[in-house]
Amino acid sequence: MQEILIICLIGAIAGWIAGAIVDSESGSFLLDILIGIIGGYIGYRLFGGKLNITDNIWVNKVITATAGATILALIIKLARRAARPRRSI
């Protein structure tokens, strides 16, 4: 149970940071948390332990999760932009 709470906390931080980086305009803090949790998994699968920038393991986990969440937020933003109907003049 404690591990799930830690994952959600790291995901929340990563989602909030990724939302600020990408300017996701999601309008929902809960959506940013969900993007952070899923993005954390994506970041772990893409980068694993390769983003060891500091000696602090928790900071490295947040950096990895933020990288994955930023990638996911960019994909979502591009998909929303592509799905938006275009106005003809």
PDB file of N, CA and C in Angstrom:
ATOM      1  N   MET A   1       0.828  -1.193   0.000  1.00  0.00           N
ATOM      2  CA  MET A   1       0.000   0.000   0.000  1.00  0.00           C
ATOM      3  C   MET A   1       0.874   1.260   0.000  1.00  0.00           C
ATOM      4  N   GLN A   2       1.963   1.220   0.751  1.00  0.00           N
ATOM      5  CA  GLN A   2       2.846   2.369   0.833  1.00  0.00           C
ATOM      6  C   GLN A   2       3.498   2.644  -0.525  1.00  0.00           C
ATOM      7  N   GLU A   3       3.840   1.594  -1.251  1.00  0.00           N
ATOM      8  CA  GLU A   3       4.466   1.759  -2.560  1.00  0.00           C
ATOM      9  C   GLU A   3       3.522   2.435  -3.544  1.00  0.00           C
ATOM     10  N   ILE A   4       2.239   2.107  -3.484  1.00  0.00           N
ATOM     11  CA  ILE A   4       1.249   2.732  -4.372  1.00  0.00           C
ATOM     12  C   ILE A   4       1.132   4.221  -4.060  1.00  0.00           C
ATOM     13  N   LEU A   5       1.146   4.574  -2.797  1.00  0.00           N
ATOM     14  CA  LEU A   5       1.082   5.989  -2.417  1.00  0.00           C
ATOM     15  C   LEU A   5       2.312   6.750  -2.896  1.00  0.00           C
ATOM     16  N   ILE A   6       3.475   6.137  -2.812  1.00  0.00           N
ATOM     17  CA  ILE A   6       4.706   6.777  -3.278  1.00  0.00           C
ATOM     18  C   ILE A   6       4.657   6.966  -4.792  1.00  0.00           C
ATOM     19  N   ILE A   7       4.188   5.952  -5.515  1.00  0.00           N
ATOM     20  CA  ILE A   7       4.061   6.059  -6.975  1.00  0.00           C
ATOM     21  C   ILE A   7       3.099   7.192  -7.337  1.00  0.00           C
ATOM     22  N   CYS A   8       1.976   7.282  -6.627  1.00  0.00           N
ATOM     23  CA  CYS A   8       1.006   8.351  -6.909  1.00  0.00           C
ATOM     24  C   CYS A   8       1.584   9.726  -6.579  1.00  0.00           C
ATOM     25  N   LEU A   9       2.351   9.817  -5.504  1.00  0.00           N
ATOM     26  CA  LEU A   9       2.964  11.096  -5.142  1.00  0.00           C
ATOM     27  C   LEU A   9       3.985  11.523  -6.194  1.00  0.00           C
ATOM     28  N   ILE A  10       4.842  10.599  -6.606  1.00  0.00           N
ATOM     29  CA  ILE A  10       5.829  10.907  -7.650  1.00  0.00           C
ATOM     30  C   ILE A  10       5.112  11.258  -8.955  1.00  0.00           C
ATOM     31  N   GLY A  11       4.050  10.505  -9.283  1.00  0.00           N
ATOM     32  CA  GLY A  11       3.270  10.793 -10.480  1.00  0.00           C
ATOM     33  C   GLY A  11       2.604  12.152 -10.426  1.00  0.00           C
ATOM     34  N   ALA A  12       2.109  12.523  -9.251  1.00  0.00           N
ATOM     35  CA  ALA A  12       1.476  13.832  -9.104  1.00  0.00           C
ATOM     36  C   ALA A  12       2.477  14.957  -9.332  1.00  0.00           C
ATOM     37  N   ILE A  13       3.643  14.814  -8.753  1.00  0.00           N
ATOM     38  CA  ILE A  13       4.683  15.831  -8.930  1.00  0.00           C
ATOM     39  C   ILE A  13       5.112  15.895 -10.395  1.00  0.00           C
ATOM     40  N   ALA A  14       5.340  14.726 -10.993  1.00  0.00           N
ATOM     41  CA  ALA A  14       5.777  14.676 -12.393  1.00  0.00           C
ATOM     42  C   ALA A  14       4.698  15.222 -13.324  1.00  0.00           C
ATOM     43  N   GLY A  15       3.445  14.887 -13.078  1.00  0.00           N
ATOM     44  CA  GLY A  15       2.355  15.389 -13.917  1.00  0.00           C
ATOM     45  C   GLY A  15       2.195  16.888 -13.820  1.00  0.00           C
ATOM     46  N   TRP A  16       2.365  17.421 -12.609  1.00  0.00           N
ATOM     47  CA  TRP A  16       2.266  18.861 -12.427  1.00  0.00           C
ATOM     48  C   TRP A  16       3.394  19.579 -13.168  1.00  0.00           C
ATOM     49  N   ILE A  17       4.612  19.051 -13.039  1.00  0.00           N
ATOM     50  CA  ILE A  17       5.754  19.660 -13.728  1.00  0.00           C
ATOM     51  C   ILE A  17       5.590  19.545 -15.243  1.00  0.00           C
ATOM     52  N   ALA A  18       5.184  18.369 -15.729  1.00  0.00           N
ATOM     53  CA  ALA A  18       4.999  18.167 -17.172  1.00  0.00           C
ATOM     54  C   ALA A  18       3.897  19.066 -17.715  1.00  0.00           C
ATOM     55  N   GLY A  19       2.823  19.236 -16.954  1.00  0.00           N
ATOM     56  CA  GLY A  19       1.751  20.134 -17.373  1.00  0.00           C
ATOM     57  C   GLY A  19       2.229  21.575 -17.502  1.00  0.00           C
ATOM     58  N   ALA A  20       3.129  21.979 -16.610  1.00  0.00           N
ATOM     59  CA  ALA A  20       3.693  23.331 -16.686  1.00  0.00           C
ATOM     60  C   ALA A  20       4.669  23.461 -17.851  1.00  0.00           C
ATOM     61  N   ILE A  21       5.441  22.420 -18.131  1.00  0.00           N
ATOM     62  CA  ILE A  21       6.409  22.461 -19.226  1.00  0.00           C
ATOM     63  C   ILE A  21       5.697  22.524 -20.572  1.00  0.00           C
ATOM     64  N   VAL A  22       4.699  21.668 -20.743  1.00  0.00           N
ATOM     65  CA  VAL A  22       4.020  21.539 -22.031  1.00  0.00           C
ATOM     66  C   VAL A  22       2.900  22.555 -22.178  1.00  0.00           C
ATOM     67  N   ASP A  23       2.447  23.143 -21.070  1.00  0.00           N
ATOM     68  CA  ASP A  23       1.266  24.010 -21.062  1.00  0.00           C
ATOM     69  C   ASP A  23       0.090  23.226 -21.631  1.00  0.00           C
ATOM     70  N   SER A  24      -0.186  22.103 -20.956  1.00  0.00           N
ATOM     71  CA  SER A  24      -1.143  21.125 -21.462  1.00  0.00           C
ATOM     72  C   SER A  24      -2.571  21.636 -21.527  1.00  0.00           C
ATOM     73  N   GLU A  25      -2.900  22.637 -20.744  1.00  0.00           N
ATOM     74  CA  GLU A  25      -4.249  23.205 -20.737  1.00  0.00           C
ATOM     75  C   GLU A  25      -5.296  22.133 -20.473  1.00  0.00           C
ATOM     76  N   SER A  26      -4.942  21.132 -19.676  1.00  0.00           N
ATOM     77  CA  SER A  26      -5.894  20.062 -19.382  1.00  0.00           C
ATOM     78  C   SER A  26      -7.029  20.581 -18.508  1.00  0.00           C
ATOM     79  N   GLY A  27      -6.726  21.564 -17.676  1.00  0.00           N
ATOM     80  CA  GLY A  27      -7.748  22.145 -16.833  1.00  0.00           C
ATOM     81  C   GLY A  27      -8.081  21.297 -15.615  1.00  0.00           C
ATOM     82  N   SER A  28      -7.391  20.208 -15.421  1.00  0.00           N
ATOM     83  CA  SER A  28      -7.697  19.314 -14.321  1.00  0.00           C
ATOM     84  C   SER A  28      -6.410  18.833 -13.675  1.00  0.00           C
ATOM     85  N   PHE A  29      -6.303  19.065 -12.396  1.00  0.00           N
ATOM     86  CA  PHE A  29      -5.138  18.593 -11.656  1.00  0.00           C
ATOM     87  C   PHE A  29      -5.133  17.069 -11.606  1.00  0.00           C
ATOM     88  N   LEU A  30      -6.323  16.458 -11.529  1.00  0.00           N
ATOM     89  CA  LEU A  30      -6.402  14.996 -11.511  1.00  0.00           C
ATOM     90  C   LEU A  30      -5.927  14.394 -12.824  1.00  0.00           C
ATOM     91  N   LEU A  31      -6.228  15.058 -13.932  1.00  0.00           N
ATOM     92  CA  LEU A  31      -5.740  14.579 -15.228  1.00  0.00           C
ATOM     93  C   LEU A  31      -4.220  14.699 -15.301  1.00  0.00           C
ATOM     94  N   ASP A  32      -3.675  15.775 -14.750  1.00  0.00           N
ATOM     95  CA  ASP A  32      -2.220  15.926 -14.699  1.00  0.00           C
ATOM     96  C   ASP A  32      -1.579  14.817 -13.858  1.00  0.00           C
ATOM     97  N   ILE A  33      -2.240  14.445 -12.757  1.00  0.00           N
ATOM     98  CA  ILE A  33      -1.729  13.350 -11.931  1.00  0.00           C
ATOM     99  C   ILE A  33      -1.763  12.043 -12.704  1.00  0.00           C
ATOM    100  N   LEU A  34      -2.860  11.788 -13.408  1.00  0.00           N
ATOM    101  CA  LEU A  34      -2.977  10.564 -14.196  1.00  0.00           C
ATOM    102  C   LEU A  34      -1.918  10.525 -15.295  1.00  0.00           C
ATOM    103  N   ILE A  35      -1.716  11.653 -15.960  1.00  0.00           N
ATOM    104  CA  ILE A  35      -0.661  11.738 -16.978  1.00  0.00           C
ATOM    105  C   ILE A  35       0.702  11.501 -16.330  1.00  0.00           C
ATOM    106  N   GLY A  36       0.905  12.008 -15.131  1.00  0.00           N
ATOM    107  CA  GLY A  36       2.166  11.804 -14.424  1.00  0.00           C
ATOM    108  C   GLY A  36       2.404  10.353 -14.065  1.00  0.00           C
ATOM    109  N   ILE A  37       1.355   9.651 -13.621  1.00  0.00           N
ATOM    110  CA  ILE A  37       1.513   8.246 -13.252  1.00  0.00           C
ATOM    111  C   ILE A  37       1.796   7.397 -14.486  1.00  0.00           C
ATOM    112  N   ILE A  38       1.012   7.593 -15.535  1.00  0.00           N
ATOM    113  CA  ILE A  38       1.244   6.847 -16.776  1.00  0.00           C
ATOM    114  C   ILE A  38       2.577   7.256 -17.394  1.00  0.00           C
ATOM    115  N   GLY A  39       2.872   8.541 -17.370  1.00  0.00           N
ATOM    116  CA  GLY A  39       4.148   9.025 -17.888  1.00  0.00           C
ATOM    117  C   GLY A  39       5.328   8.506 -17.105  1.00  0.00           C
ATOM    118  N   GLY A  40       5.154   8.295 -15.805  1.00  0.00           N
ATOM    119  CA  GLY A  40       6.211   7.705 -14.995  1.00  0.00           C
ATOM    120  C   GLY A  40       6.541   6.303 -15.459  1.00  0.00           C
ATOM    121  N   TYR A  41       5.516   5.549 -15.809  1.00  0.00           N
ATOM    122  CA  TYR A  41       5.742   4.204 -16.338  1.00  0.00           C
ATOM    123  C   TYR A  41       6.446   4.280 -17.692  1.00  0.00           C
ATOM    124  N   ILE A  42       5.995   5.209 -18.533  1.00  0.00           N
ATOM    125  CA  ILE A  42       6.622   5.390 -19.851  1.00  0.00           C
ATOM    126  C   ILE A  42       8.084   5.792 -19.680  1.00  0.00           C
ATOM    127  N   GLY A  43       8.342   6.726 -18.785  1.00  0.00           N
ATOM    128  CA  GLY A  43       9.713   7.173 -18.532  1.00  0.00           C
ATOM    129  C   GLY A  43      10.589   6.051 -18.018  1.00  0.00           C
ATOM    130  N   TYR A  44      10.024   5.214 -17.141  1.00  0.00           N
ATOM    131  CA  TYR A  44      10.787   4.082 -16.630  1.00  0.00           C
ATOM    132  C   TYR A  44      11.114   3.098 -17.744  1.00  0.00           C
ATOM    133  N   ARG A  45      10.156   2.829 -18.616  1.00  0.00           N
ATOM    134  CA  ARG A  45      10.372   1.880 -19.710  1.00  0.00           C
ATOM    135  C   ARG A  45      11.359   2.439 -20.742  1.00  0.00           C
ATOM    136  N   LEU A  46      11.306   3.744 -20.986  1.00  0.00           N
ATOM    137  CA  LEU A  46      12.201   4.349 -21.972  1.00  0.00           C
ATOM    138  C   LEU A  46      13.612   4.549 -21.434  1.00  0.00           C
ATOM    139  N   PHE A  47      13.703   5.057 -20.215  1.00  0.00           N
ATOM    140  CA  PHE A  47      14.998   5.482 -19.690  1.00  0.00           C
ATOM    141  C   PHE A  47      15.559   4.570 -18.612  1.00  0.00           C
ATOM    142  N   GLY A  48      14.702   3.795 -17.947  1.00  0.00           N
ATOM    143  CA  GLY A  48      15.160   2.918 -16.870  1.00  0.00           C
ATOM    144  C   GLY A  48      15.966   3.679 -15.842  1.00  0.00           C
ATOM    145  N   GLY A  49      17.167   3.271 -15.593  1.00  0.00           N
ATOM    146  CA  GLY A  49      18.025   3.955 -14.630  1.00  0.00           C
ATOM    147  C   GLY A  49      19.053   4.846 -15.285  1.00  0.00           C
ATOM    148  N   LYS A  50      18.794   5.253 -16.526  1.00  0.00           N
ATOM    149  CA  LYS A  50      19.783   6.031 -17.273  1.00  0.00           C
ATOM    150  C   LYS A  50      19.791   7.514 -16.930  1.00  0.00           C
ATOM    151  N   LEU A  51      18.746   8.003 -16.286  1.00  0.00           N
ATOM    152  CA  LEU A  51      18.684   9.425 -15.942  1.00  0.00           C
ATOM    153  C   LEU A  51      19.131   9.660 -14.500  1.00  0.00           C
ATOM    154  N   ASN A  52      20.240   9.084 -14.127  1.00  0.00           N
ATOM    155  CA  ASN A  52      20.783   9.267 -12.788  1.00  0.00           C
ATOM    156  C   ASN A  52      21.605  10.549 -12.755  1.00  0.00           C
ATOM    157  N   ILE A  53      20.897  11.655 -12.583  1.00  0.00           N
ATOM    158  CA  ILE A  53      21.540  12.963 -12.618  1.00  0.00           C
ATOM    159  C   ILE A  53      22.094  13.333 -11.242  1.00  0.00           C
ATOM    160  N   THR A  54      21.388  12.917 -10.193  1.00  0.00           N
ATOM    161  CA  THR A  54      21.835  13.236  -8.835  1.00  0.00           C
ATOM    162  C   THR A  54      22.115  11.943  -8.078  1.00  0.00           C
ATOM    163  N   ASP A  55      22.599  12.096  -6.856  1.00  0.00           N
ATOM    164  CA  ASP A  55      22.828  10.941  -5.994  1.00  0.00           C
ATOM    165  C   ASP A  55      21.553  10.535  -5.258  1.00  0.00           C
ATOM    166  N   ASN A  56      20.542  11.391  -5.296  1.00  0.00           N
ATOM    167  CA  ASN A  56      19.288  11.134  -4.604  1.00  0.00           C
ATOM    168  C   ASN A  56      18.375  10.301  -5.497  1.00  0.00           C
ATOM    169  N   ILE A  57      18.010   9.116  -5.035  1.00  0.00           N
ATOM    170  CA  ILE A  57      17.198   8.205  -5.847  1.00  0.00           C
ATOM    171  C   ILE A  57      15.803   8.771  -6.105  1.00  0.00           C
ATOM    172  N   TRP A  58      15.242   9.520  -5.137  1.00  0.00           N
ATOM    173  CA  TRP A  58      13.888  10.061  -5.301  1.00  0.00           C
ATOM    174  C   TRP A  58      13.863  11.167  -6.337  1.00  0.00           C
ATOM    175  N   VAL A  59      14.875  11.993  -6.358  1.00  0.00           N
ATOM    176  CA  VAL A  59      14.959  13.050  -7.372  1.00  0.00           C
ATOM    177  C   VAL A  59      15.104  12.424  -8.754  1.00  0.00           C
ATOM    178  N   ASN A  60      15.904  11.374  -8.857  1.00  0.00           N
ATOM    179  CA  ASN A  60      16.057  10.676 -10.133  1.00  0.00           C
ATOM    180  C   ASN A  60      14.739  10.070 -10.596  1.00  0.00           C
ATOM    181  N   LYS A  61      13.943   9.541  -9.676  1.00  0.00           N
ATOM    182  CA  LYS A  61      12.641   8.980 -10.027  1.00  0.00           C
ATOM    183  C   LYS A  61      11.696  10.069 -10.522  1.00  0.00           C
ATOM    184  N   VAL A  62      11.719  11.223  -9.876  1.00  0.00           N
ATOM    185  CA  VAL A  62      10.866  12.337 -10.317  1.00  0.00           C
ATOM    186  C   VAL A  62      11.306  12.831 -11.689  1.00  0.00           C
ATOM    187  N   ILE A  63      12.606  12.905 -11.933  1.00  0.00           N
ATOM    188  CA  ILE A  63      13.113  13.339 -13.235  1.00  0.00           C
ATOM    189  C   ILE A  63      12.703  12.356 -14.322  1.00  0.00           C
ATOM    190  N   THR A  64      12.836  11.067 -14.054  1.00  0.00           N
ATOM    191  CA  THR A  64      12.444  10.049 -15.034  1.00  0.00           C
ATOM    192  C   THR A  64      10.946  10.100 -15.295  1.00  0.00           C
ATOM    193  N   ALA A  65      10.155  10.211 -14.239  1.00  0.00           N
ATOM    194  CA  ALA A  65       8.704  10.292 -14.392  1.00  0.00           C
ATOM    195  C   ALA A  65       8.294  11.564 -15.120  1.00  0.00           C
ATOM    196  N   THR A  66       8.971  12.669 -14.842  1.00  0.00           N
ATOM    197  CA  THR A  66       8.653  13.927 -15.514  1.00  0.00           C
ATOM    198  C   THR A  66       8.981  13.851 -16.997  1.00  0.00           C
ATOM    199  N   ALA A  67      10.083  13.207 -17.342  1.00  0.00           N
ATOM    200  CA  ALA A  67      10.432  13.043 -18.756  1.00  0.00           C
ATOM    201  C   ALA A  67       9.356  12.236 -19.481  1.00  0.00           C
ATOM    202  N   GLY A  68       8.930  11.138 -18.885  1.00  0.00           N
ATOM    203  CA  GLY A  68       7.880  10.332 -19.499  1.00  0.00           C
ATOM    204  C   GLY A  68       6.552  11.060 -19.554  1.00  0.00           C
ATOM    205  N   ALA A  69       6.205  11.787 -18.490  1.00  0.00           N
ATOM    206  CA  ALA A  69       4.949  12.539 -18.462  1.00  0.00           C
ATOM    207  C   ALA A  69       4.967  13.676 -19.479  1.00  0.00           C
ATOM    208  N   THR A  70       6.114  14.292 -19.669  1.00  0.00           N
ATOM    209  CA  THR A  70       6.224  15.363 -20.676  1.00  0.00           C
ATOM    210  C   THR A  70       6.018  14.793 -22.072  1.00  0.00           C
ATOM    211  N   ILE A  71       6.601  13.641 -22.350  1.00  0.00           N
ATOM    212  CA  ILE A  71       6.407  12.999 -23.656  1.00  0.00           C
ATOM    213  C   ILE A  71       4.929  12.681 -23.862  1.00  0.00           C
ATOM    214  N   LEU A  72       4.284  12.107 -22.836  1.00  0.00           N
ATOM    215  CA  LEU A  72       2.863  11.768 -22.940  1.00  0.00           C
ATOM    216  C   LEU A  72       2.007  13.022 -23.096  1.00  0.00           C
ATOM    217  N   ALA A  73       2.305  14.078 -22.348  1.00  0.00           N
ATOM    218  CA  ALA A  73       1.537  15.320 -22.446  1.00  0.00           C
ATOM    219  C   ALA A  73       1.682  15.946 -23.830  1.00  0.00           C
ATOM    220  N   LEU A  74       2.869  15.878 -24.406  1.00  0.00           N
ATOM    221  CA  LEU A  74       3.057  16.386 -25.773  1.00  0.00           C
ATOM    222  C   LEU A  74       2.245  15.586 -26.784  1.00  0.00           C
ATOM    223  N   ILE A  75       2.225  14.276 -26.635  1.00  0.00           N
ATOM    224  CA  ILE A  75       1.443  13.431 -27.541  1.00  0.00           C
ATOM    225  C   ILE A  75      -0.042  13.763 -27.424  1.00  0.00           C
ATOM    226  N   ILE A  76      -0.526  13.928 -26.200  1.00  0.00           N
ATOM    227  CA  ILE A  76      -1.935  14.263 -25.992  1.00  0.00           C
ATOM    228  C   ILE A  76      -2.256  15.637 -26.573  1.00  0.00           C
ATOM    229  N   LYS A  77      -1.365  16.598 -26.374  1.00  0.00           N
ATOM    230  CA  LYS A  77      -1.585  17.942 -26.901  1.00  0.00           C
ATOM    231  C   LYS A  77      -1.621  17.931 -28.423  1.00  0.00           C
ATOM    232  N   LEU A  78      -0.717  17.195 -29.051  1.00  0.00           N
ATOM    233  CA  LEU A  78      -0.713  17.103 -30.509  1.00  0.00           C
ATOM    234  C   LEU A  78      -1.950  16.383 -31.024  1.00  0.00           C
ATOM    235  N   ALA A  79      -2.394  15.344 -30.316  1.00  0.00           N
ATOM    236  CA  ALA A  79      -3.601  14.624 -30.731  1.00  0.00           C
ATOM    237  C   ALA A  79      -4.838  15.512 -30.613  1.00  0.00           C
ATOM    238  N   ARG A  80      -4.919  16.306 -29.560  1.00  0.00           N
ATOM    239  CA  ARG A  80      -6.054  17.231 -29.410  1.00  0.00           C
ATOM    240  C   ARG A  80      -6.042  18.291 -30.507  1.00  0.00           C
ATOM    241  N   ARG A  81      -4.846  18.781 -30.838  1.00  0.00           N
ATOM    242  CA  ARG A  81      -4.732  19.791 -31.889  1.00  0.00           C
ATOM    243  C   ARG A  81      -5.146  19.216 -33.244  1.00  0.00           C
ATOM    244  N   ALA A  82      -4.752  17.968 -33.512  1.00  0.00           N
ATOM    245  CA  ALA A  82      -5.100  17.325 -34.782  1.00  0.00           C
ATOM    246  C   ALA A  82      -6.590  17.015 -34.855  1.00  0.00           C
ATOM    247  N   ALA A  83      -7.225  16.744 -33.723  1.00  0.00           N
ATOM    248  CA  ALA A  83      -8.648  16.408 -33.721  1.00  0.00           C
ATOM    249  C   ALA A  83      -9.539  17.637 -33.739  1.00  0.00           C
ATOM    250  N   ARG A  84      -8.977  18.797 -33.476  1.00  0.00           N
ATOM    251  CA  ARG A  84      -9.755  20.034 -33.467  1.00  0.00           C
ATOM    252  C   ARG A  84     -10.201  20.373 -34.879  1.00  0.00           C
ATOM    253  N   PRO A  85     -11.486  20.664 -35.048  1.00  0.00           N
ATOM    254  CA  PRO A  85     -11.949  21.025 -36.405  1.00  0.00           C
ATOM    255  C   PRO A  85     -11.347  22.349 -36.870  1.00  0.00           C
ATOM    256  N   ARG A  86     -11.008  22.388 -38.104  1.00  0.00           N
ATOM    257  CA  ARG A  86     -10.404  23.598 -38.671  1.00  0.00           C
ATOM    258  C   ARG A  86     -11.503  24.477 -39.263  1.00  0.00           C
ATOM    259  N   ARG A  87     -11.323  25.757 -39.112  1.00  0.00           N
ATOM    260  CA  ARG A  87     -12.294  26.729 -39.648  1.00  0.00           C
ATOM    261  C   ARG A  87     -11.848  27.152 -41.029  1.00  0.00           C
ATOM    262  N   SER A  88     -12.744  27.118 -41.941  1.00  0.00           N
ATOM    263  CA  SER A  88     -12.414  27.613 -43.282  1.00  0.00           C
ATOM    264  C   SER A  88     -12.978  29.018 -43.436  1.00  0.00           C
ATOM    265  N   ILE A  89     -12.228  29.834 -44.110  1.00  0.00           N
ATOM    266  CA  ILE A  89     -12.622  31.245 -44.263  1.00  0.00           C
ATOM    267  C   ILE A  89     -13.316  31.453 -45.568  1.00  0.00           C
TER     268      ILE A  89
END
